[in-house]
């Protein structure tokens, strides 16, 4: 454990973690909505074919205090109404997430990187294979949890809330682990073995899943995020989401550094991408 922590510090010490997270957050701002819309669109392929009305029932799981439900309803309406051509067009901005995470990690990797943009953007689109089944799991579990929400017929008591939090945590943790495993294995520099990438993704996703529950708690607070910006709630909301993405991406990059640190111990790196040990 001491050697791993030392390895993580060595990897992160090669550059500026905050700057790398900011880089990734910029690219994520371009890509996150397309990925969300593609996920929603994939629900229309499910048995019975989900539609905007059925998916909108999941809004009861979103705290209403900051207007998150309205944003969700609009995203559902747009996502379920996508045409095949519109979905194909969305692949272009969605692919920027791959470029963002690779460019964020390259300054922390000792080897020169070539074809950073197009290679990472092509590899990240491999997540499209896993997107429909992962979305199906999330939507199915979320549908079952709506009965525990106060607006969905639940009591609003501690037990209902605790069950929702635990189940939501586990679902986000495990589904995100699948996505991050692919990202660490194929998209980022360093190319750890699949098992190492999965282990790092499992650890990283647990922190992000917990952080997601914290964000839902934030959305339930009766505060006006527009106060620091002269009452402009839209600006305040965008900044709040951007800050959440930034902190989440700090965690993602630290998780990648964990995979690299394991490789530096001689158990995970592959071929020419292997980072030199101390």
Protein backbone atom coordinates (compact mmCIF):
# COMPACT_ATOMS: atom_id res chain seq x y z
CA UNK A 1 0.00 0.00 0.00
CA UNK A 2 2.85 2.38 0.82
CA UNK A 3 4.45 1.60 -2.55
CA UNK A 4 1.16 2.25 -4.38
CA UNK A 5 0.67 5.61 -2.66
CA UNK A 6 4.23 6.53 -3.53
CA UNK A 7 3.59 5.52 -7.14
CA UNK A 8 0.41 7.60 -7.32
CA UNK A 9 2.27 10.64 -5.97
CA UNK A 10 5.01 10.09 -8.54
CA UNK A 11 2.53 9.94 -11.43
CA UNK A 12 0.55 12.99 -10.27
CA UNK A 13 3.78 14.87 -9.53
CA UNK A 14 4.69 14.94 -13.22
CA UNK A 15 2.12 17.64 -13.90
CA UNK A 16 -0.70 19.73 -12.45
CA UNK A 17 -3.67 17.62 -11.35
CA UNK A 18 -6.02 20.62 -11.22
CA UNK A 19 -5.04 21.68 -14.74
CA UNK A 20 -5.57 18.14 -16.04
CA UNK A 21 -8.99 17.94 -14.38
CA UNK A 22 -9.91 21.35 -15.83
CA UNK A 23 -8.89 20.14 -19.30
CA UNK A 24 -11.05 17.06 -18.97
CA UNK A 25 -13.96 19.10 -17.61
CA UNK A 26 -13.84 21.37 -20.66
CA UNK A 27 -14.09 18.42 -23.04
CA UNK A 28 -16.74 16.78 -20.84
CA UNK A 29 -18.87 19.92 -21.12
CA UNK A 30 -18.98 19.23 -24.86
CA UNK A 31 -19.59 15.49 -24.54
CA UNK A 32 -21.76 14.87 -21.46
CA UNK A 33 -25.11 15.94 -22.95
CA UNK A 34 -24.63 13.91 -26.17
CA UNK A 35 -23.81 10.82 -24.11
CA UNK A 36 -26.90 11.39 -21.94
CA UNK A 37 -29.12 11.79 -25.01
CA UNK A 38 -27.66 8.66 -26.61
CA UNK A 39 -28.34 6.73 -23.41
CA UNK A 40 -31.94 7.95 -23.35
CA UNK A 41 -32.33 7.12 -27.05
CA UNK A 42 -31.12 3.57 -26.40
CA UNK A 43 -34.07 3.01 -24.05
CA UNK A 44 -36.38 3.10 -27.08
CA UNK A 45 -34.81 -0.20 -28.14
CA UNK A 46 -35.84 -1.90 -24.89
CA UNK A 47 -38.56 -4.55 -24.75
CA UNK A 48 -41.82 -2.67 -25.11
CA UNK A 49 -40.01 0.47 -26.27
CA UNK A 50 -39.66 3.18 -23.64
CA UNK A 51 -41.14 6.57 -24.46
CA UNK A 52 -41.01 10.06 -22.99
CA UNK A 53 -44.07 9.48 -20.83
CA UNK A 54 -42.76 6.29 -19.21
CA UNK A 55 -39.26 7.68 -18.62
CA UNK A 56 -40.60 10.93 -17.20
CA UNK A 57 -41.95 8.94 -14.24
CA UNK A 58 -38.34 8.61 -13.07
CA UNK A 59 -38.31 12.35 -12.36
CA UNK A 60 -39.57 11.69 -8.83
CA UNK A 61 -36.06 10.46 -7.94
CA UNK A 62 -34.66 13.94 -8.65
CA UNK A 63 -35.03 16.57 -5.90
CA UNK A 64 -37.33 19.36 -7.18
CA UNK A 65 -35.82 22.30 -5.28
CA UNK A 66 -33.35 23.48 -7.96
CA UNK A 67 -35.35 22.77 -11.10
CA UNK A 68 -33.58 19.53 -11.97
CA UNK A 69 -36.81 17.82 -12.92
CA UNK A 70 -37.52 20.30 -15.70
CA UNK A 71 -34.09 19.68 -17.22
CA UNK A 72 -34.67 15.92 -16.97
CA UNK A 73 -38.05 16.15 -18.69
CA UNK A 74 -36.57 18.15 -21.56
CA UNK A 75 -33.68 15.71 -21.99
CA UNK A 76 -36.10 12.76 -22.03
CA UNK A 77 -38.30 14.44 -24.64
CA UNK A 78 -35.33 15.17 -26.90
CA UNK A 79 -33.59 11.82 -26.34
CA UNK A 80 -36.60 9.63 -27.03
CA UNK A 81 -37.41 11.65 -30.14
CA UNK A 82 -33.99 11.31 -31.80
CA UNK A 83 -33.81 10.05 -35.36
CA UNK A 84 -31.03 7.75 -36.52
CA UNK A 85 -29.37 10.67 -38.32
CA UNK A 86 -29.52 12.84 -35.19
CA UNK A 87 -27.98 10.05 -33.12
CA UNK A 88 -25.14 9.67 -35.62
CA UNK A 89 -24.48 13.41 -35.48
CA UNK A 90 -24.28 13.20 -31.67
CA UNK A 91 -21.35 10.79 -31.97
CA UNK A 92 -19.09 13.66 -33.01
CA UNK A 93 -19.42 15.77 -29.81
CA UNK A 94 -19.68 12.60 -27.69
CA UNK A 95 -16.26 11.47 -28.92
CA UNK A 96 -14.64 14.56 -27.41
CA UNK A 97 -14.72 12.87 -23.99
CA UNK A 98 -12.11 10.39 -25.20
CA UNK A 99 -9.85 13.16 -26.43
CA UNK A 100 -10.36 15.08 -23.20
CA UNK A 101 -9.34 12.30 -20.85
CA UNK A 102 -6.32 11.33 -22.93
CA UNK A 103 -5.11 14.94 -23.20
CA UNK A 104 -5.66 15.33 -19.44
CA UNK A 105 -3.49 12.28 -18.69
CA UNK A 106 -0.76 12.78 -21.30
CA UNK A 107 1.12 15.46 -19.24
CA UNK A 108 1.26 12.96 -16.36
CA UNK A 109 2.65 10.16 -18.53
CA UNK A 110 6.40 9.98 -19.26
CA UNK A 111 6.15 8.82 -22.87
CA UNK A 112 5.45 10.97 -25.91
CA UNK A 113 1.94 10.46 -27.28
CA UNK A 114 1.03 10.39 -30.97
CA UNK A 115 -2.35 10.72 -32.67
CA UNK A 116 -3.83 11.78 -29.34
CA UNK A 117 -7.06 13.22 -30.69
CA UNK A 118 -8.35 10.85 -33.31
CA UNK A 119 -7.17 7.66 -31.58
CA UNK A 120 -8.80 8.47 -28.23
CA UNK A 121 -12.01 9.69 -29.84
CA UNK A 122 -12.32 6.47 -31.84
CA UNK A 123 -11.64 4.24 -28.83
CA UNK A 124 -14.12 5.98 -26.52
CA UNK A 125 -16.94 5.25 -28.96
CA UNK A 126 -16.46 1.60 -28.07
CA UNK A 127 -18.61 2.43 -25.03
CA UNK A 128 -21.59 2.48 -27.39
CA UNK A 129 -21.63 -1.32 -27.19
CA UNK A 130 -22.13 -1.27 -23.42
CA UNK A 131 -24.40 1.80 -23.33
CA UNK A 132 -27.77 0.08 -24.06
CA UNK A 133 -27.45 -2.75 -21.48
CA UNK A 134 -26.06 -0.40 -18.83
CA UNK A 135 -28.87 2.08 -19.45
CA UNK A 136 -31.40 -0.75 -19.30
CA UNK A 137 -30.12 -1.77 -15.85
CA UNK A 138 -30.22 1.83 -14.58
CA UNK A 139 -33.72 2.51 -15.93
CA UNK A 140 -35.12 -0.80 -14.65
CA UNK A 141 -33.76 -0.31 -11.13
CA UNK A 142 -34.76 3.37 -11.10
CA UNK A 143 -38.29 2.39 -12.10
CA UNK A 144 -38.50 0.07 -9.11
CA UNK A 145 -37.17 2.78 -6.78
CA UNK A 146 -39.84 5.33 -7.79
CA UNK A 147 -42.30 3.61 -5.44
CA UNK A 148 -40.00 4.55 -2.53
CA UNK A 149 -39.90 8.25 -3.43
CA UNK A 150 -42.32 10.57 -1.61
CA UNK A 151 -43.80 11.76 -4.93
CA UNK A 152 -44.06 8.18 -6.19
CA UNK A 153 -46.14 6.76 -3.35
CA UNK A 154 -43.42 6.17 -0.77
CA UNK A 155 -43.69 7.16 2.86
CA UNK A 156 -40.73 9.51 2.71
CA UNK A 157 -39.38 7.86 5.82
CA UNK A 158 -35.83 6.98 6.77
CA UNK A 159 -36.05 3.34 5.63
CA UNK A 160 -37.28 4.25 2.13
CA UNK A 161 -34.58 6.90 1.82
CA UNK A 162 -31.86 4.54 3.04
CA UNK A 163 -32.87 1.82 0.57
CA UNK A 164 -32.89 4.31 -2.29
CA UNK A 165 -29.46 5.69 -1.39
CA UNK A 166 -27.87 2.24 -1.01
CA UNK A 167 -29.36 0.82 -4.21
CA UNK A 168 -28.59 3.96 -6.23
CA UNK A 169 -25.01 3.89 -4.94
CA UNK A 170 -24.51 0.25 -5.94
CA UNK A 171 -26.05 0.68 -9.40
CA UNK A 172 -24.00 3.79 -10.21
CA UNK A 173 -20.88 2.14 -8.79
CA UNK A 174 -21.12 -1.04 -10.84
CA UNK A 175 -22.33 0.46 -14.13
CA UNK A 176 -19.72 3.20 -13.99
CA UNK A 177 -17.06 0.57 -13.27
CA UNK A 178 -17.76 -1.01 -16.66
CA UNK A 179 -17.40 2.31 -18.47
CA UNK A 180 -14.26 3.37 -16.59
CA UNK A 181 -12.64 -0.02 -17.13
CA UNK A 182 -12.86 0.52 -20.88
CA UNK A 183 -11.61 4.10 -20.57
CA UNK A 184 -8.58 3.16 -18.46
CA UNK A 185 -7.82 0.08 -20.57
CA UNK A 186 -8.14 1.55 -24.06
CA UNK A 187 -8.57 5.32 -24.07
CA UNK A 188 -5.99 6.68 -21.63
CA UNK A 189 -2.21 6.49 -22.09
CA UNK A 190 -0.33 3.80 -20.21
CA UNK A 191 -2.52 0.87 -21.34
CA UNK A 192 -2.66 -1.26 -18.16
CA UNK A 193 -3.81 -4.85 -18.35
CA UNK A 194 -7.56 -5.40 -18.29
CA UNK A 195 -7.54 -6.70 -14.70
CA UNK A 196 -5.58 -3.69 -13.46
CA UNK A 197 -7.88 -1.30 -15.32
CA UNK A 198 -10.92 -3.03 -13.80
CA UNK A 199 -9.49 -2.87 -10.27
CA UNK A 200 -8.69 0.84 -10.61
CA UNK A 201 -12.13 1.49 -12.14
CA UNK A 202 -13.87 -0.39 -9.31
CA UNK A 203 -12.12 1.72 -6.68
CA UNK A 204 -12.60 4.99 -8.55
CA UNK A 205 -16.28 4.38 -9.31
CA UNK A 206 -17.05 3.82 -5.63
CA UNK A 207 -15.91 7.36 -4.85
CA UNK A 208 -17.80 8.86 -7.79
CA UNK A 209 -20.97 6.95 -6.84
CA UNK A 210 -20.77 8.41 -3.36
CA UNK A 211 -20.08 11.84 -4.79
CA UNK A 212 -23.17 11.48 -7.02
CA UNK A 213 -25.33 10.91 -3.96
CA UNK A 214 -23.82 14.06 -2.51
CA UNK A 215 -24.80 15.97 -5.63
CA UNK A 216 -28.39 14.76 -5.29
CA UNK A 217 -28.31 16.01 -1.70
CA UNK A 218 -27.07 19.37 -2.97
CA UNK A 219 -30.00 19.51 -5.43
CA UNK A 220 -32.40 19.05 -2.53
CA UNK A 221 -31.17 22.13 -0.67
CA UNK A 222 -33.50 25.16 -0.80
CA UNK A 223 -30.84 27.61 -1.97
CA UNK A 224 -30.67 29.98 -4.92
CA UNK A 225 -27.53 29.19 -6.93
CA UNK A 226 -28.01 32.41 -8.87
CA UNK A 227 -27.27 34.67 -5.90
CA UNK A 228 -23.49 34.91 -6.62
CA UNK A 229 -24.33 35.90 -10.22
CA UNK A 230 -26.85 38.68 -9.69
CA UNK A 231 -29.82 36.31 -9.62
CA UNK A 232 -29.03 34.53 -12.89
CA UNK A 233 -30.02 31.00 -11.85
CA UNK A 234 -29.08 29.47 -15.21
CA UNK A 235 -25.51 30.72 -14.85
CA UNK A 236 -25.36 29.55 -11.25
CA UNK A 237 -26.66 26.13 -12.24
CA UNK A 238 -24.11 25.75 -15.04
CA UNK A 239 -21.29 26.73 -12.69
CA UNK A 240 -22.52 24.28 -10.03
CA UNK A 241 -22.60 21.42 -12.52
CA UNK A 242 -19.20 22.44 -13.86
CA UNK A 243 -17.74 22.39 -10.35
CA UNK A 244 -19.22 18.93 -9.76
CA UNK A 245 -17.70 17.69 -13.03
CA UNK A 246 -14.32 19.15 -12.09
CA UNK A 247 -14.18 17.38 -8.72
CA UNK A 248 -15.44 14.13 -10.27
CA UNK A 249 -12.69 14.32 -12.88
CA UNK A 250 -10.05 14.87 -10.23
CA UNK A 251 -11.18 11.49 -8.87
CA UNK A 252 -11.12 9.93 -12.36
CA UNK A 253 -7.54 11.07 -12.99
CA UNK A 254 -6.39 9.88 -9.56
CA UNK A 255 -7.94 6.51 -10.44
CA UNK A 256 -5.93 6.43 -13.66
CA UNK A 257 -2.80 7.26 -11.63
CA UNK A 258 -3.64 4.27 -9.41
CA UNK A 259 -3.63 1.98 -12.45
CA UNK A 260 -0.28 3.44 -13.54
CA UNK A 261 1.15 2.99 -10.05
CA UNK A 262 0.17 -0.68 -10.10
CA UNK A 263 1.94 -0.96 -13.45
CA UNK A 264 5.06 0.66 -12.01
CA UNK A 265 5.19 -2.21 -9.52
CA UNK A 266 5.51 -4.57 -12.49
CA UNK A 267 2.02 -6.09 -12.42
CA UNK A 268 0.03 -4.13 -14.92
CA UNK A 269 1.73 -2.27 -17.74
CA UNK A 270 1.77 -3.48 -21.33
CA UNK A 271 4.42 -3.33 -23.97
CA UNK A 272 5.76 0.00 -25.17
CA UNK A 273 3.34 1.99 -23.03
CA UNK A 274 4.87 0.77 -19.78
CA UNK A 275 5.99 3.55 -17.49
CA UNK A 276 9.55 3.25 -16.19
CA UNK A 277 9.86 2.34 -12.53
CA UNK A 278 11.87 4.37 -10.05
